[in-house]
N, C-alpha and C. Protein backbone atom coordinates (compact mmCIF):
# COMPACT_ATOMS: atom_id res chain seq x y z
N MET A 1 -50.65 -82.20 8.47
CA MET A 1 -50.65 -83.45 7.74
C MET A 1 -50.13 -83.28 6.31
N LEU A 2 -50.59 -82.20 5.67
CA LEU A 2 -50.18 -81.93 4.29
C LEU A 2 -48.68 -81.65 4.21
N SER A 3 -48.12 -80.92 5.18
CA SER A 3 -46.68 -80.62 5.15
C SER A 3 -45.86 -81.90 5.35
N LYS A 4 -46.33 -82.83 6.19
CA LYS A 4 -45.64 -84.10 6.38
C LYS A 4 -45.63 -84.91 5.09
N LEU A 5 -46.77 -84.88 4.39
CA LEU A 5 -46.88 -85.59 3.11
C LEU A 5 -45.92 -84.99 2.07
N LYS A 6 -45.83 -83.64 2.05
CA LYS A 6 -44.92 -82.96 1.12
C LYS A 6 -43.47 -83.35 1.41
N LYS A 7 -43.11 -83.38 2.70
CA LYS A 7 -41.74 -83.76 3.09
C LYS A 7 -41.44 -85.19 2.68
N TYR A 8 -42.40 -86.07 2.90
CA TYR A 8 -42.23 -87.48 2.55
C TYR A 8 -42.01 -87.64 1.04
N ILE A 9 -42.86 -86.95 0.25
CA ILE A 9 -42.75 -87.03 -1.21
C ILE A 9 -41.42 -86.45 -1.68
N SER A 10 -41.01 -85.33 -1.08
CA SER A 10 -39.73 -84.71 -1.44
C SER A 10 -38.57 -85.66 -1.18
N LYS A 11 -38.58 -86.30 -0.01
CA LYS A 11 -37.51 -87.26 0.33
C LYS A 11 -37.48 -88.42 -0.66
N LYS A 12 -38.66 -88.91 -1.03
CA LYS A 12 -38.73 -90.02 -1.98
C LYS A 12 -38.18 -89.62 -3.35
N ILE A 13 -38.54 -88.42 -3.80
CA ILE A 13 -38.06 -87.93 -5.10
C ILE A 13 -36.54 -87.79 -5.07
N ILE A 14 -36.01 -87.20 -4.01
CA ILE A 14 -34.55 -87.03 -3.87
C ILE A 14 -33.87 -88.39 -3.85
N SER A 15 -34.45 -89.34 -3.14
CA SER A 15 -33.89 -90.69 -3.05
C SER A 15 -33.85 -91.36 -4.42
N ILE A 16 -34.92 -91.22 -5.20
CA ILE A 16 -34.98 -91.82 -6.53
C ILE A 16 -33.95 -91.18 -7.46
N ILE A 17 -33.85 -89.85 -7.40
CA ILE A 17 -32.86 -89.14 -8.23
C ILE A 17 -31.45 -89.59 -7.87
N SER A 18 -31.14 -89.64 -6.58
CA SER A 18 -29.80 -90.07 -6.12
C SER A 18 -29.49 -91.48 -6.57
N PHE A 19 -30.47 -92.37 -6.45
CA PHE A 19 -30.29 -93.77 -6.88
C PHE A 19 -29.98 -93.84 -8.37
N ASN A 20 -30.75 -93.09 -9.18
CA ASN A 20 -30.55 -93.10 -10.63
C ASN A 20 -29.19 -92.52 -11.02
N GLN A 21 -28.77 -91.45 -10.33
CA GLN A 21 -27.46 -90.86 -10.61
C GLN A 21 -26.34 -91.83 -10.27
N ALA A 22 -26.45 -92.51 -9.13
CA ALA A 22 -25.43 -93.49 -8.73
C ALA A 22 -25.39 -94.65 -9.72
N LYS A 23 -26.55 -95.08 -10.18
CA LYS A 23 -26.62 -96.18 -11.16
C LYS A 23 -25.97 -95.77 -12.48
N GLU A 24 -26.27 -94.56 -12.93
CA GLU A 24 -25.69 -94.05 -14.18
C GLU A 24 -24.17 -93.94 -14.06
N LYS A 25 -23.69 -93.48 -12.89
CA LYS A 25 -22.25 -93.36 -12.65
C LYS A 25 -21.57 -94.74 -12.71
N ARG A 26 -22.20 -95.74 -12.10
CA ARG A 26 -21.65 -97.11 -12.13
C ARG A 26 -21.61 -97.65 -13.56
N GLU A 27 -22.67 -97.40 -14.32
CA GLU A 27 -22.74 -97.88 -15.70
C GLU A 27 -21.67 -97.22 -16.57
N MET A 28 -21.46 -95.92 -16.38
CA MET A 28 -20.43 -95.20 -17.13
C MET A 28 -19.04 -95.76 -16.81
N TRP A 29 -18.81 -96.07 -15.52
CA TRP A 29 -17.52 -96.63 -15.10
C TRP A 29 -17.31 -98.02 -15.73
N THR A 30 -18.35 -98.84 -15.73
CA THR A 30 -18.27 -100.18 -16.32
C THR A 30 -17.99 -100.09 -17.82
N ASP A 31 -18.66 -99.17 -18.50
CA ASP A 31 -18.43 -98.98 -19.94
C ASP A 31 -17.00 -98.53 -20.21
N PHE A 32 -16.48 -97.63 -19.37
CA PHE A 32 -15.11 -97.13 -19.51
C PHE A 32 -14.11 -98.28 -19.35
N LEU A 33 -14.31 -99.11 -18.32
CA LEU A 33 -13.40 -100.24 -18.07
C LEU A 33 -13.45 -101.29 -19.17
N SER A 34 -14.55 -101.34 -19.91
CA SER A 34 -14.68 -102.35 -20.97
C SER A 34 -13.88 -102.00 -22.22
N LEU A 35 -13.36 -100.77 -22.30
CA LEU A 35 -12.55 -100.39 -23.45
C LEU A 35 -11.26 -101.22 -23.46
N PRO A 36 -10.80 -101.68 -24.63
CA PRO A 36 -9.64 -102.58 -24.67
C PRO A 36 -8.33 -101.96 -24.22
N ASN A 37 -8.22 -100.65 -24.27
CA ASN A 37 -6.97 -99.97 -23.90
C ASN A 37 -6.98 -99.48 -22.45
N ILE A 38 -8.00 -99.82 -21.68
CA ILE A 38 -8.11 -99.38 -20.28
C ILE A 38 -7.91 -100.59 -19.37
N ASN A 39 -6.90 -100.52 -18.51
CA ASN A 39 -6.62 -101.60 -17.56
C ASN A 39 -6.42 -100.97 -16.18
N ILE A 40 -7.50 -100.87 -15.42
CA ILE A 40 -7.48 -100.23 -14.11
C ILE A 40 -7.88 -101.25 -13.06
N HIS A 41 -7.04 -101.39 -12.05
CA HIS A 41 -7.30 -102.37 -10.98
C HIS A 41 -8.60 -102.03 -10.26
N ASP A 42 -9.28 -103.06 -9.79
CA ASP A 42 -10.58 -102.90 -9.14
C ASP A 42 -10.51 -102.05 -7.86
N SER A 43 -9.33 -101.94 -7.25
CA SER A 43 -9.20 -101.17 -6.01
C SER A 43 -9.14 -99.66 -6.25
N PHE A 44 -9.11 -99.25 -7.53
CA PHE A 44 -9.03 -97.81 -7.87
C PHE A 44 -10.16 -97.03 -7.20
N GLN A 45 -9.81 -95.89 -6.62
CA GLN A 45 -10.81 -95.00 -6.02
C GLN A 45 -10.51 -93.57 -6.43
N PRO A 46 -11.49 -92.76 -6.72
CA PRO A 46 -12.92 -93.05 -6.80
C PRO A 46 -13.30 -93.61 -8.17
N LYS A 47 -14.27 -94.45 -8.21
CA LYS A 47 -14.72 -95.05 -9.47
C LYS A 47 -15.63 -94.06 -10.21
N ASP A 48 -14.99 -93.09 -10.85
CA ASP A 48 -15.73 -92.00 -11.48
C ASP A 48 -15.04 -91.65 -12.80
N VAL A 49 -15.70 -91.95 -13.90
CA VAL A 49 -15.11 -91.76 -15.22
C VAL A 49 -14.88 -90.28 -15.53
N THR A 50 -15.55 -89.37 -14.84
CA THR A 50 -15.40 -87.95 -15.15
C THR A 50 -14.00 -87.42 -14.79
N TYR A 51 -13.21 -88.17 -14.03
CA TYR A 51 -11.83 -87.78 -13.76
C TYR A 51 -10.95 -87.95 -15.01
N PHE A 52 -11.40 -88.76 -15.96
CA PHE A 52 -10.60 -89.10 -17.13
C PHE A 52 -11.07 -88.33 -18.35
N LYS A 53 -10.11 -87.83 -19.11
CA LYS A 53 -10.41 -87.11 -20.35
C LYS A 53 -9.55 -87.70 -21.46
N GLY A 54 -10.06 -87.64 -22.68
CA GLY A 54 -9.30 -88.05 -23.85
C GLY A 54 -9.44 -86.99 -24.91
N LYS A 55 -9.30 -87.39 -26.13
CA LYS A 55 -9.56 -86.47 -27.24
C LYS A 55 -10.91 -86.88 -27.80
N ASN A 56 -11.88 -86.02 -27.63
CA ASN A 56 -13.29 -86.35 -27.87
C ASN A 56 -13.63 -87.52 -26.95
N THR A 57 -13.99 -88.67 -27.48
CA THR A 57 -14.30 -89.81 -26.61
C THR A 57 -13.26 -90.92 -26.73
N GLU A 58 -12.09 -90.60 -27.29
CA GLU A 58 -11.03 -91.59 -27.47
C GLU A 58 -9.93 -91.37 -26.45
N TYR A 59 -9.42 -92.48 -25.92
CA TYR A 59 -8.35 -92.44 -24.93
C TYR A 59 -7.16 -93.25 -25.43
N GLY A 60 -5.98 -92.90 -24.90
CA GLY A 60 -4.81 -93.73 -25.14
C GLY A 60 -4.83 -94.92 -24.19
N GLU A 61 -3.67 -95.55 -24.04
CA GLU A 61 -3.55 -96.70 -23.15
C GLU A 61 -3.42 -96.23 -21.70
N ILE A 62 -4.28 -96.74 -20.83
CA ILE A 62 -4.25 -96.39 -19.41
C ILE A 62 -4.12 -97.67 -18.61
N SER A 63 -3.04 -97.75 -17.82
CA SER A 63 -2.82 -98.91 -16.97
C SER A 63 -2.53 -98.43 -15.55
N ILE A 64 -3.42 -98.75 -14.62
CA ILE A 64 -3.28 -98.32 -13.23
C ILE A 64 -3.35 -99.55 -12.34
N ASP A 65 -2.28 -99.75 -11.55
CA ASP A 65 -2.17 -100.94 -10.71
C ASP A 65 -2.98 -100.75 -9.41
N GLU A 66 -2.89 -101.72 -8.53
CA GLU A 66 -3.72 -101.75 -7.32
C GLU A 66 -3.36 -100.64 -6.33
N GLN A 67 -4.36 -100.32 -5.51
CA GLN A 67 -4.25 -99.35 -4.41
C GLN A 67 -3.89 -97.94 -4.86
N PHE A 68 -4.38 -97.54 -6.04
CA PHE A 68 -4.26 -96.14 -6.46
C PHE A 68 -5.44 -95.38 -5.89
N TYR A 69 -5.16 -94.20 -5.32
CA TYR A 69 -6.25 -93.38 -4.77
C TYR A 69 -5.98 -91.93 -5.07
N MET A 70 -7.02 -91.22 -5.50
CA MET A 70 -6.89 -89.77 -5.69
C MET A 70 -8.05 -89.06 -5.03
N LYS A 71 -7.73 -87.86 -4.53
CA LYS A 71 -8.75 -87.07 -3.84
C LYS A 71 -9.51 -86.22 -4.87
N GLU A 72 -10.11 -85.13 -4.40
CA GLU A 72 -11.03 -84.36 -5.23
C GLU A 72 -10.33 -83.46 -6.25
N HIS A 73 -11.07 -83.14 -7.30
CA HIS A 73 -10.69 -82.16 -8.33
C HIS A 73 -9.44 -82.56 -9.11
N CYS A 74 -9.17 -83.85 -9.23
CA CYS A 74 -8.06 -84.32 -10.05
C CYS A 74 -8.52 -84.54 -11.48
N SER A 75 -7.55 -84.55 -12.41
CA SER A 75 -7.87 -84.72 -13.82
C SER A 75 -6.78 -85.55 -14.48
N ILE A 76 -7.19 -86.53 -15.28
CA ILE A 76 -6.25 -87.37 -16.02
C ILE A 76 -6.62 -87.31 -17.49
N LEU A 77 -5.77 -86.66 -18.28
CA LEU A 77 -5.97 -86.51 -19.72
C LEU A 77 -4.99 -87.43 -20.45
N VAL A 78 -5.52 -88.36 -21.24
CA VAL A 78 -4.68 -89.28 -22.01
C VAL A 78 -5.20 -89.31 -23.45
N PHE A 79 -4.44 -88.67 -24.34
CA PHE A 79 -4.84 -88.63 -25.75
C PHE A 79 -4.66 -90.00 -26.41
N PRO A 80 -5.39 -90.26 -27.50
CA PRO A 80 -5.15 -91.47 -28.28
C PRO A 80 -3.67 -91.54 -28.68
N GLU A 81 -3.11 -92.72 -28.74
CA GLU A 81 -1.70 -92.98 -29.05
C GLU A 81 -0.78 -92.70 -27.85
N ALA A 82 -1.29 -92.10 -26.80
CA ALA A 82 -0.47 -91.85 -25.60
C ALA A 82 -0.58 -93.03 -24.64
N LYS A 83 0.33 -93.06 -23.66
CA LYS A 83 0.35 -94.18 -22.72
C LYS A 83 0.59 -93.65 -21.31
N LEU A 84 -0.29 -94.05 -20.38
CA LEU A 84 -0.15 -93.71 -18.96
C LEU A 84 -0.02 -95.00 -18.17
N LEU A 85 1.07 -95.12 -17.41
CA LEU A 85 1.31 -96.30 -16.59
C LEU A 85 1.53 -95.86 -15.14
N ILE A 86 0.70 -96.34 -14.23
CA ILE A 86 0.81 -95.99 -12.81
C ILE A 86 0.95 -97.27 -12.01
N GLY A 87 1.98 -97.32 -11.14
CA GLY A 87 2.27 -98.51 -10.35
C GLY A 87 1.35 -98.67 -9.16
N LYS A 88 1.75 -99.54 -8.24
CA LYS A 88 0.95 -99.87 -7.05
C LYS A 88 1.09 -98.79 -5.98
N ASN A 89 0.00 -98.64 -5.22
CA ASN A 89 0.01 -97.82 -4.00
C ASN A 89 0.44 -96.38 -4.27
N VAL A 90 -0.13 -95.78 -5.30
CA VAL A 90 0.15 -94.38 -5.65
C VAL A 90 -1.00 -93.52 -5.14
N PHE A 91 -0.65 -92.32 -4.64
CA PHE A 91 -1.65 -91.42 -4.07
C PHE A 91 -1.53 -90.03 -4.69
N PHE A 92 -2.67 -89.47 -5.11
CA PHE A 92 -2.75 -88.09 -5.58
C PHE A 92 -3.61 -87.30 -4.59
N ASN A 93 -3.08 -86.22 -4.07
CA ASN A 93 -3.88 -85.34 -3.23
C ASN A 93 -4.77 -84.46 -4.12
N ASN A 94 -5.50 -83.55 -3.53
CA ASN A 94 -6.46 -82.72 -4.26
C ASN A 94 -5.82 -81.96 -5.43
N SER A 95 -6.58 -81.81 -6.49
CA SER A 95 -6.28 -80.91 -7.61
C SER A 95 -5.02 -81.25 -8.39
N CYS A 96 -4.65 -82.53 -8.45
CA CYS A 96 -3.53 -82.96 -9.29
C CYS A 96 -4.02 -83.16 -10.72
N SER A 97 -3.11 -82.99 -11.68
CA SER A 97 -3.50 -83.27 -13.06
C SER A 97 -2.36 -83.90 -13.85
N ILE A 98 -2.76 -84.85 -14.68
CA ILE A 98 -1.84 -85.49 -15.62
C ILE A 98 -2.32 -85.11 -17.01
N ASN A 99 -1.37 -84.64 -17.83
CA ASN A 99 -1.70 -84.24 -19.20
C ASN A 99 -0.77 -85.02 -20.12
N CYS A 100 -1.27 -86.13 -20.64
CA CYS A 100 -0.45 -87.12 -21.31
C CYS A 100 -0.79 -87.20 -22.80
N LEU A 101 0.14 -86.72 -23.63
CA LEU A 101 0.00 -86.84 -25.07
C LEU A 101 1.02 -87.80 -25.65
N ASP A 102 2.02 -88.17 -24.84
CA ASP A 102 3.07 -89.09 -25.27
C ASP A 102 3.13 -90.30 -24.35
N LYS A 103 3.89 -90.19 -23.24
CA LYS A 103 3.96 -91.28 -22.27
C LYS A 103 4.32 -90.71 -20.90
N ILE A 104 3.57 -91.13 -19.89
CA ILE A 104 3.87 -90.79 -18.50
C ILE A 104 3.84 -92.08 -17.70
N GLU A 105 4.91 -92.29 -16.92
CA GLU A 105 5.02 -93.48 -16.09
C GLU A 105 5.32 -93.05 -14.66
N ILE A 106 4.53 -93.58 -13.70
CA ILE A 106 4.69 -93.25 -12.28
C ILE A 106 4.91 -94.55 -11.52
N GLY A 107 6.04 -94.63 -10.81
CA GLY A 107 6.39 -95.85 -10.11
C GLY A 107 5.58 -96.08 -8.85
N SER A 108 5.65 -97.31 -8.35
CA SER A 108 4.89 -97.71 -7.16
C SER A 108 5.32 -96.91 -5.92
N ASN A 109 4.37 -96.78 -4.99
CA ASN A 109 4.60 -96.13 -3.69
C ASN A 109 5.02 -94.67 -3.81
N THR A 110 4.53 -94.01 -4.85
CA THR A 110 4.82 -92.59 -5.05
C THR A 110 3.61 -91.77 -4.61
N MET A 111 3.89 -90.62 -4.01
CA MET A 111 2.84 -89.78 -3.44
C MET A 111 2.94 -88.38 -4.03
N PHE A 112 1.79 -87.83 -4.43
CA PHE A 112 1.71 -86.46 -4.94
C PHE A 112 1.00 -85.58 -3.91
N GLY A 113 1.57 -84.41 -3.63
CA GLY A 113 0.89 -83.42 -2.82
C GLY A 113 -0.19 -82.72 -3.64
N GLU A 114 -0.83 -81.74 -3.04
CA GLU A 114 -1.89 -81.01 -3.75
C GLU A 114 -1.33 -80.22 -4.93
N GLY A 115 -2.12 -80.18 -6.00
CA GLY A 115 -1.83 -79.29 -7.12
C GLY A 115 -0.65 -79.67 -7.99
N VAL A 116 -0.21 -80.93 -7.96
CA VAL A 116 0.90 -81.36 -8.82
C VAL A 116 0.40 -81.46 -10.27
N LYS A 117 1.22 -80.98 -11.22
CA LYS A 117 0.85 -80.99 -12.64
C LYS A 117 1.95 -81.66 -13.45
N LEU A 118 1.57 -82.56 -14.36
CA LEU A 118 2.50 -83.24 -15.26
C LEU A 118 2.11 -82.92 -16.69
N TYR A 119 3.11 -82.45 -17.49
CA TYR A 119 2.89 -82.14 -18.91
C TYR A 119 3.99 -82.79 -19.73
N ASP A 120 3.65 -83.81 -20.52
CA ASP A 120 4.67 -84.46 -21.35
C ASP A 120 4.72 -83.85 -22.76
N HIS A 121 4.28 -82.63 -22.89
CA HIS A 121 4.21 -81.97 -24.20
C HIS A 121 4.29 -80.46 -24.02
N ASN A 122 4.52 -79.80 -25.14
CA ASN A 122 4.53 -78.35 -25.16
C ASN A 122 3.97 -77.91 -26.51
N HIS A 123 3.32 -76.78 -26.55
CA HIS A 123 2.80 -76.26 -27.81
C HIS A 123 3.96 -75.92 -28.75
N LEU A 124 3.82 -76.30 -30.02
CA LEU A 124 4.84 -75.95 -31.00
C LEU A 124 4.79 -74.45 -31.27
N THR A 125 5.99 -73.88 -31.35
CA THR A 125 6.08 -72.44 -31.64
C THR A 125 6.97 -72.22 -32.86
N THR A 126 6.64 -71.24 -33.63
CA THR A 126 7.47 -70.85 -34.78
C THR A 126 7.56 -69.33 -34.82
N ILE A 127 8.65 -68.85 -35.42
CA ILE A 127 8.80 -67.40 -35.62
C ILE A 127 8.93 -67.17 -37.11
N SER A 128 8.05 -66.37 -37.63
CA SER A 128 8.06 -66.03 -39.04
C SER A 128 7.89 -64.52 -39.18
N ASP A 129 8.80 -63.89 -39.91
CA ASP A 129 8.77 -62.43 -40.09
C ASP A 129 8.68 -61.72 -38.74
N SER A 130 9.50 -62.18 -37.79
CA SER A 130 9.58 -61.61 -36.44
C SER A 130 8.29 -61.73 -35.63
N GLU A 131 7.40 -62.61 -36.07
CA GLU A 131 6.17 -62.83 -35.33
C GLU A 131 6.14 -64.23 -34.75
N LEU A 132 5.80 -64.31 -33.48
CA LEU A 132 5.70 -65.60 -32.80
C LEU A 132 4.34 -66.21 -33.07
N SER A 133 4.36 -67.49 -33.45
CA SER A 133 3.12 -68.23 -33.67
C SER A 133 3.12 -69.44 -32.75
N ILE A 134 2.07 -69.61 -31.97
CA ILE A 134 1.93 -70.73 -31.04
C ILE A 134 0.78 -71.60 -31.52
N SER A 135 1.09 -72.85 -31.83
CA SER A 135 0.07 -73.77 -32.32
C SER A 135 -0.85 -74.21 -31.18
N LYS A 136 -2.13 -74.26 -31.47
CA LYS A 136 -3.09 -74.75 -30.49
C LYS A 136 -3.28 -76.26 -30.60
N ALA A 137 -2.88 -76.85 -31.73
CA ALA A 137 -3.18 -78.27 -31.96
C ALA A 137 -1.95 -79.13 -32.25
N GLU A 138 -0.76 -78.51 -32.36
CA GLU A 138 0.45 -79.29 -32.62
C GLU A 138 1.39 -79.14 -31.43
N PHE A 139 2.08 -80.25 -31.10
CA PHE A 139 2.86 -80.28 -29.86
C PHE A 139 4.21 -80.95 -30.09
N SER A 140 5.20 -80.52 -29.32
CA SER A 140 6.43 -81.31 -29.16
C SER A 140 6.22 -82.16 -27.92
N LYS A 141 6.72 -83.42 -27.96
CA LYS A 141 6.42 -84.35 -26.88
C LYS A 141 7.68 -85.09 -26.46
N ALA A 142 7.71 -85.49 -25.19
CA ALA A 142 8.76 -86.37 -24.66
C ALA A 142 8.23 -86.98 -23.36
N PRO A 143 8.58 -88.23 -23.09
CA PRO A 143 8.01 -88.92 -21.92
C PRO A 143 8.44 -88.33 -20.58
N ILE A 144 7.60 -88.55 -19.60
CA ILE A 144 7.94 -88.27 -18.19
C ILE A 144 7.97 -89.62 -17.48
N ILE A 145 9.05 -89.86 -16.74
CA ILE A 145 9.16 -91.08 -15.94
C ILE A 145 9.47 -90.68 -14.51
N ILE A 146 8.60 -91.09 -13.59
CA ILE A 146 8.80 -90.85 -12.16
C ILE A 146 9.01 -92.21 -11.51
N GLY A 147 10.09 -92.34 -10.76
CA GLY A 147 10.46 -93.63 -10.19
C GLY A 147 9.59 -94.07 -9.03
N LYS A 148 10.04 -95.12 -8.37
CA LYS A 148 9.34 -95.68 -7.21
C LYS A 148 9.71 -94.90 -5.95
N ASN A 149 8.80 -94.93 -4.98
CA ASN A 149 9.05 -94.37 -3.64
C ASN A 149 9.42 -92.89 -3.70
N CYS A 150 8.73 -92.14 -4.52
CA CYS A 150 8.99 -90.69 -4.62
C CYS A 150 7.90 -89.91 -3.92
N TRP A 151 8.26 -88.74 -3.44
CA TRP A 151 7.30 -87.80 -2.88
C TRP A 151 7.41 -86.52 -3.71
N ILE A 152 6.35 -86.22 -4.42
CA ILE A 152 6.27 -85.00 -5.22
C ILE A 152 5.37 -84.05 -4.43
N ALA A 153 5.95 -83.02 -3.84
CA ALA A 153 5.21 -82.16 -2.91
C ALA A 153 4.28 -81.20 -3.65
N SER A 154 3.52 -80.45 -2.88
CA SER A 154 2.45 -79.60 -3.42
C SER A 154 2.95 -78.61 -4.47
N ASN A 155 2.12 -78.43 -5.48
CA ASN A 155 2.30 -77.41 -6.52
C ASN A 155 3.58 -77.58 -7.34
N VAL A 156 4.07 -78.79 -7.45
CA VAL A 156 5.19 -79.08 -8.34
C VAL A 156 4.67 -79.21 -9.77
N ILE A 157 5.44 -78.71 -10.74
CA ILE A 157 5.14 -78.88 -12.15
C ILE A 157 6.29 -79.68 -12.77
N ILE A 158 5.95 -80.78 -13.44
CA ILE A 158 6.95 -81.61 -14.10
C ILE A 158 6.72 -81.55 -15.60
N LEU A 159 7.78 -81.18 -16.33
CA LEU A 159 7.65 -80.92 -17.76
C LEU A 159 8.19 -82.08 -18.59
N LYS A 160 7.95 -82.02 -19.89
CA LYS A 160 8.28 -83.11 -20.81
C LYS A 160 9.76 -83.46 -20.79
N GLY A 161 10.02 -84.76 -21.02
CA GLY A 161 11.40 -85.23 -21.12
C GLY A 161 12.10 -85.46 -19.80
N VAL A 162 11.39 -85.33 -18.69
CA VAL A 162 12.01 -85.46 -17.36
C VAL A 162 11.91 -86.89 -16.86
N THR A 163 13.02 -87.38 -16.28
CA THR A 163 13.03 -88.62 -15.53
C THR A 163 13.42 -88.29 -14.10
N ILE A 164 12.62 -88.74 -13.14
CA ILE A 164 12.93 -88.58 -11.71
C ILE A 164 13.22 -89.97 -11.18
N GLY A 165 14.42 -90.15 -10.64
CA GLY A 165 14.84 -91.46 -10.17
C GLY A 165 14.11 -91.90 -8.92
N ASP A 166 14.27 -93.18 -8.58
CA ASP A 166 13.65 -93.76 -7.39
C ASP A 166 14.08 -93.03 -6.12
N ASN A 167 13.21 -93.09 -5.11
CA ASN A 167 13.53 -92.60 -3.75
C ASN A 167 13.89 -91.12 -3.73
N SER A 168 13.17 -90.32 -4.52
CA SER A 168 13.48 -88.89 -4.58
C SER A 168 12.34 -88.06 -4.01
N ILE A 169 12.70 -86.88 -3.52
CA ILE A 169 11.74 -85.92 -2.97
C ILE A 169 11.87 -84.64 -3.78
N ILE A 170 10.74 -84.17 -4.29
CA ILE A 170 10.71 -82.89 -5.01
C ILE A 170 9.94 -81.91 -4.14
N GLY A 171 10.63 -80.87 -3.68
CA GLY A 171 10.04 -79.91 -2.74
C GLY A 171 8.93 -79.08 -3.35
N ALA A 172 8.11 -78.54 -2.50
CA ALA A 172 6.92 -77.77 -2.91
C ALA A 172 7.29 -76.63 -3.85
N GLY A 173 6.47 -76.47 -4.88
CA GLY A 173 6.58 -75.33 -5.78
C GLY A 173 7.68 -75.41 -6.82
N CYS A 174 8.39 -76.53 -6.92
CA CYS A 174 9.46 -76.65 -7.92
C CYS A 174 8.88 -76.85 -9.32
N ILE A 175 9.58 -76.30 -10.31
CA ILE A 175 9.29 -76.57 -11.71
C ILE A 175 10.43 -77.45 -12.21
N ILE A 176 10.11 -78.70 -12.53
CA ILE A 176 11.14 -79.66 -12.90
C ILE A 176 11.21 -79.76 -14.42
N HIS A 177 12.30 -79.22 -14.99
CA HIS A 177 12.46 -79.20 -16.44
C HIS A 177 13.67 -80.01 -16.89
N LYS A 178 14.41 -80.60 -15.93
CA LYS A 178 15.49 -81.51 -16.28
C LYS A 178 15.48 -82.69 -15.32
N SER A 179 16.12 -83.77 -15.72
CA SER A 179 16.02 -85.01 -14.97
C SER A 179 16.71 -84.94 -13.62
N VAL A 180 16.22 -85.78 -12.70
CA VAL A 180 16.70 -85.81 -11.31
C VAL A 180 17.16 -87.24 -11.03
N PRO A 181 18.41 -87.43 -10.55
CA PRO A 181 18.87 -88.79 -10.28
C PRO A 181 18.18 -89.41 -9.06
N SER A 182 18.26 -90.73 -8.95
CA SER A 182 17.70 -91.44 -7.80
C SER A 182 18.30 -90.91 -6.50
N ASN A 183 17.54 -91.08 -5.41
CA ASN A 183 18.00 -90.73 -4.06
C ASN A 183 18.37 -89.26 -3.93
N SER A 184 17.53 -88.39 -4.54
CA SER A 184 17.79 -86.95 -4.52
C SER A 184 16.67 -86.20 -3.80
N ILE A 185 17.05 -85.04 -3.26
CA ILE A 185 16.07 -84.07 -2.74
C ILE A 185 16.24 -82.81 -3.56
N VAL A 186 15.14 -82.32 -4.14
CA VAL A 186 15.16 -81.08 -4.92
C VAL A 186 14.39 -80.04 -4.13
N LYS A 187 15.04 -78.89 -3.89
CA LYS A 187 14.40 -77.81 -3.14
C LYS A 187 14.28 -76.58 -4.02
N ASN A 188 13.25 -75.81 -3.79
CA ASN A 188 13.04 -74.56 -4.50
C ASN A 188 13.81 -73.47 -3.75
N ASN A 189 14.81 -72.89 -4.39
CA ASN A 189 15.66 -71.91 -3.74
C ASN A 189 15.09 -70.50 -3.93
N GLN A 190 14.04 -70.22 -3.20
CA GLN A 190 13.44 -68.89 -3.28
C GLN A 190 14.00 -68.01 -2.16
N ASN A 191 14.27 -66.79 -2.49
CA ASN A 191 14.68 -65.85 -1.46
C ASN A 191 13.47 -65.00 -1.09
N LEU A 192 13.07 -65.08 0.16
CA LEU A 192 11.98 -64.25 0.64
C LEU A 192 12.55 -62.91 1.09
N ILE A 193 11.99 -61.84 0.57
CA ILE A 193 12.43 -60.50 0.96
C ILE A 193 11.35 -59.93 1.85
N ILE A 194 11.71 -59.68 3.09
CA ILE A 194 10.74 -59.15 4.06
C ILE A 194 11.17 -57.75 4.42
N GLU A 195 10.25 -56.81 4.17
CA GLU A 195 10.53 -55.41 4.46
C GLU A 195 9.49 -54.87 5.43
N SER A 196 9.91 -53.92 6.21
CA SER A 196 9.00 -53.28 7.13
C SER A 196 8.08 -52.31 6.39
N ILE A 197 6.82 -52.22 6.78
CA ILE A 197 5.92 -51.25 6.15
C ILE A 197 5.95 -49.90 6.87
N THR A 198 6.75 -49.83 7.92
CA THR A 198 6.83 -48.55 8.66
C THR A 198 8.15 -47.85 8.39
């Protein structure tokens, strides 16, 4: 009898904790959406503010249209003064990240494979007396624009200043450092060297 009572109490405690956590998560999401620079369609999934990062508690302009969905372990960083614009019906697979200090625009019906990374900035570097200095807080910036109906395959990295035209496919593992015209396929030209171990 005592063990049944313990199980019952444990279940109730877990239920109360889960309820309170879900309530807190909903309240945080509502507070996030109430910010004047945040415009996210109600269909956005998952409704979890922890996917979004800013500088301290300040964010730039975030506009996400309907039917955007992202899977687990994604991250969206938008610094104050930066702008992120995402069109309709965009999908991010697991572990994608956007790092926006300037402007990133993603067109409608675009799909990201796992592990896609976008960086619209680079750390400023200087050389003085033959010594390289890399700034931790100063950046060079340029916008990234990804067109409509694009497929950005797994583990692609897109760097600052790049425009990818509509209806383009970027193959897995590519590092995109220059612009790609519309209706293009970009492939990673790796040579696999296979040798016998005997």
